[in-house]
C-alpha atoms as a PDB file:
ATOM      1  CA  MET A   1     -13.975 -31.253  25.251  1.00  0.00           C
ATOM      2  CA  HIS A   2     -17.164 -30.790  26.239  1.00  0.00           C
ATOM      3  CA  ARG A   3     -20.135 -29.877  23.909  1.00  0.00           C
ATOM      4  CA  ARG A   4     -20.661 -26.632  25.718  1.00  0.00           C
ATOM      5  CA  GLN A   5     -16.687 -25.586  25.543  1.00  0.00           C
ATOM      6  CA  TRP A   6     -16.758 -26.091  21.694  1.00  0.00           C
ATOM      7  CA  LEU A   7     -20.152 -23.990  21.725  1.00  0.00           C
ATOM      8  CA  ALA A   8     -18.572 -21.295  23.809  1.00  0.00           C
ATOM      9  CA  LEU A   9     -15.114 -21.535  21.198  1.00  0.00           C
ATOM     10  CA  VAL A  10     -17.651 -20.660  18.131  1.00  0.00           C
ATOM     11  CA  PRO A  11     -18.391 -16.860  18.670  1.00  0.00           C
ATOM     12  CA  LEU A  12     -14.692 -16.433  19.646  1.00  0.00           C
ATOM     13  CA  PHE A  13     -13.502 -18.297  16.420  1.00  0.00           C
ATOM     14  CA  ALA A  14     -16.056 -16.523  14.074  1.00  0.00           C
ATOM     15  CA  LEU A  15     -14.659 -13.118  15.718  1.00  0.00           C
ATOM     16  CA  ALA A  16     -10.868 -14.054  14.974  1.00  0.00           C
ATOM     17  CA  CYS A  17     -12.066 -15.298  11.434  1.00  0.00           C
ATOM     18  CA  GLY A  18     -13.772 -11.882  10.378  1.00  0.00           C
ATOM     19  CA  LYS A  19     -11.312  -9.348  11.764  1.00  0.00           C
ATOM     20  CA  ARG A  20      -9.174  -7.572   9.361  1.00  0.00           C
ATOM     21  CA  ARG A  21      -5.620  -7.517   9.662  1.00  0.00           C
ATOM     22  CA  GLU A  22      -4.111  -3.593   8.672  1.00  0.00           C
ATOM     23  CA  PRO A  23      -0.990  -3.596   6.682  1.00  0.00           C
ATOM     24  CA  ARG A  24       2.250  -2.455   8.820  1.00  0.00           C
ATOM     25  CA  PHE A  25       4.673  -0.003   7.119  1.00  0.00           C
ATOM     26  CA  ASP A  26       7.762   0.573   9.356  1.00  0.00           C
ATOM     27  CA  TYR A  27       9.985   1.962   7.280  1.00  0.00           C
ATOM     28  CA  GLY A  28      11.300   5.059   9.691  1.00  0.00           C
ATOM     29  CA  GLU A  29      12.518   8.254   7.843  1.00  0.00           C
ATOM     30  CA  PRO A  30      13.188   8.568   3.922  1.00  0.00           C
ATOM     31  CA  GLU A  31      16.766   8.806   3.224  1.00  0.00           C
ATOM     32  CA  GLN A  32      16.435  10.486  -0.224  1.00  0.00           C
ATOM     33  CA  ARG A  33      13.000  11.230  -1.963  1.00  0.00           C
ATOM     34  CA  TYR A  34      12.312  10.865  -5.164  1.00  0.00           C
ATOM     35  CA  GLN A  35       9.192  12.768  -7.867  1.00  0.00           C
ATOM     36  CA  LEU A  36       6.964   9.970 -10.205  1.00  0.00           C
ATOM     37  CA  ARG A  37       4.573  10.751 -12.147  1.00  0.00           C
ATOM     38  CA  GLY A  38       2.912   7.543 -13.572  1.00  0.00           C
ATOM     39  CA  LYS A  39      -0.447   5.642 -14.338  1.00  0.00           C
ATOM     40  CA  VAL A  40      -2.391   3.204 -11.737  1.00  0.00           C
ATOM     41  CA  LEU A  41      -3.010  -0.636 -13.158  1.00  0.00           C
ATOM     42  CA  ARG A  42      -4.114  -2.038 -10.158  1.00  0.00           C
ATOM     43  CA  LEU A  43      -4.828  -1.541  -6.398  1.00  0.00           C
ATOM     44  CA  ARG A  44      -4.765  -3.776  -3.489  1.00  0.00           C
ATOM     45  CA  PRO A  45      -6.609  -2.669  -0.838  1.00  0.00           C
ATOM     46  CA  GLU A  46      -5.551  -5.404   1.614  1.00  0.00           C
ATOM     47  CA  ALA A  47      -2.610  -4.596   1.446  1.00  0.00           C
ATOM     48  CA  ARG A  48      -2.232  -0.585   0.269  1.00  0.00           C
ATOM     49  CA  VAL A  49      -0.548  -1.347  -2.641  1.00  0.00           C
ATOM     50  CA  ALA A  50      -0.666   0.368  -5.726  1.00  0.00           C
ATOM     51  CA  SER A  51       0.538  -1.467  -8.993  1.00  0.00           C
ATOM     52  CA  ILE A  52       2.094   1.919 -11.089  1.00  0.00           C
ATOM     53  CA  GLU A  53       3.507   2.299 -14.921  1.00  0.00           C
ATOM     54  CA  HIS A  54       5.411   4.965 -14.004  1.00  0.00           C
ATOM     55  CA  GLU A  55       8.036   7.363 -16.186  1.00  0.00           C
ATOM     56  CA  LYS A  56      11.731   7.684 -15.467  1.00  0.00           C
ATOM     57  CA  ILE A  57      12.255   8.629 -11.897  1.00  0.00           C
ATOM     58  CA  ASP A  58      15.621  10.424 -12.371  1.00  0.00           C
ATOM     59  CA  GLY A  59      18.471  10.000  -9.987  1.00  0.00           C
ATOM     60  CA  TRP A  60      16.519   5.982  -9.002  1.00  0.00           C
ATOM     61  CA  MET A  61      14.927   4.262 -11.419  1.00  0.00           C
ATOM     62  CA  GLU A  62      14.142   3.995 -15.628  1.00  0.00           C
ATOM     63  CA  ALA A  63      10.734   3.682 -16.461  1.00  0.00           C
ATOM     64  CA  MET A  64       8.694   0.833 -15.134  1.00  0.00           C
ATOM     65  CA  THR A  65       5.661  -1.081 -13.541  1.00  0.00           C
ATOM     66  CA  MET A  66       6.270  -2.079 -10.201  1.00  0.00           C
ATOM     67  CA  GLU A  67       4.279  -1.938  -7.078  1.00  0.00           C
ATOM     68  CA  PHE A  68       4.235   1.041  -4.639  1.00  0.00           C
ATOM     69  CA  PRO A  69       3.296   0.406  -0.597  1.00  0.00           C
ATOM     70  CA  VAL A  70       0.984   3.585   0.201  1.00  0.00           C
ATOM     71  CA  PRO A  71       0.891   3.287   3.897  1.00  0.00           C
ATOM     72  CA  ASN A  72      -1.445   6.391   3.951  1.00  0.00           C
ATOM     73  CA  GLU A  73      -5.025   5.356   3.980  1.00  0.00           C
ATOM     74  CA  ALA A  74      -6.152   9.294   2.326  1.00  0.00           C
ATOM     75  CA  ASP A  75      -3.208   9.118  -0.303  1.00  0.00           C
ATOM     76  CA  PHE A  76      -4.890   5.455  -1.079  1.00  0.00           C
ATOM     77  CA  ALA A  77      -8.408   6.410  -1.035  1.00  0.00           C
ATOM     78  CA  ARG A  78      -7.564   8.959  -3.806  1.00  0.00           C
ATOM     79  CA  LEU A  79      -6.036   6.290  -6.224  1.00  0.00           C
ATOM     80  CA  LYS A  80      -8.202   4.677  -9.045  1.00  0.00           C
ATOM     81  CA  VAL A  81      -7.564   2.138 -11.523  1.00  0.00           C
ATOM     82  CA  GLY A  82      -6.602   4.545 -14.824  1.00  0.00           C
ATOM     83  CA  ALA A  83      -5.603   8.080 -13.083  1.00  0.00           C
ATOM     84  CA  VAL A  84      -2.396   9.567 -13.721  1.00  0.00           C
ATOM     85  CA  ILE A  85      -0.863  10.384 -10.667  1.00  0.00           C
ATOM     86  CA  ARG A  86       2.246  12.644  -9.058  1.00  0.00           C
ATOM     87  CA  ALA A  87       3.148  11.272  -5.968  1.00  0.00           C
ATOM     88  CA  THR A  88       6.612  11.581  -4.083  1.00  0.00           C
ATOM     89  CA  VAL A  89       8.555   8.248  -3.565  1.00  0.00           C
ATOM     90  CA  ASN A  90      10.287   7.974  -0.078  1.00  0.00           C
ATOM     91  CA  VAL A  91      13.113   5.230  -0.031  1.00  0.00           C
ATOM     92  CA  ASN A  92      15.010   4.045   3.094  1.00  0.00           C
ATOM     93  CA  ASP A  93      17.556   1.445   2.511  1.00  0.00           C
ATOM     94  CA  LEU A  94      15.314  -1.447   0.443  1.00  0.00           C
ATOM     95  CA  ASN A  95      12.270  -0.144   0.892  1.00  0.00           C
ATOM     96  CA  TYR A  96      10.372   2.266  -0.629  1.00  0.00           C
ATOM     97  CA  TRP A  97       6.830   3.715  -0.450  1.00  0.00           C
ATOM     98  CA  LEU A  98       4.682   6.643  -2.288  1.00  0.00           C
ATOM     99  CA  THR A  99       3.358  10.042  -0.002  1.00  0.00           C
ATOM    100  CA  ASP A 100       2.083  13.353  -1.066  1.00  0.00           C
ATOM    101  CA  ILE A 101      -0.083  11.665  -3.867  1.00  0.00           C
ATOM    102  CA  VAL A 102      -1.763  14.420  -6.448  1.00  0.00           C
ATOM    103  CA  VAL A 103      -4.224  12.716  -9.152  1.00  0.00           C
ATOM    104  CA  GLU A 104      -3.679  14.677 -12.315  1.00  0.00           C
END
């Protein structure tokens, strides 16, 4: 490859490296919905995932700490480490995610 061809590729490479990839949430419609109350321990903005120490979720899960995807950007933006929240856990097969987040 000639030097000019390499130089022409540099801006394309830089553009590709700088592009932020949006997380994908293709879960479909929830089959079940449950109410969650818990405390935000960590946030992973690049994946839009929140680690939450939650109380028992009646009908679904005992109290524990787990990571929850948050598909909605506005919902995720409300989360802060240390915040106590209420939210809806949506479940579809093996997928689960949070919506309707309220910071208490």
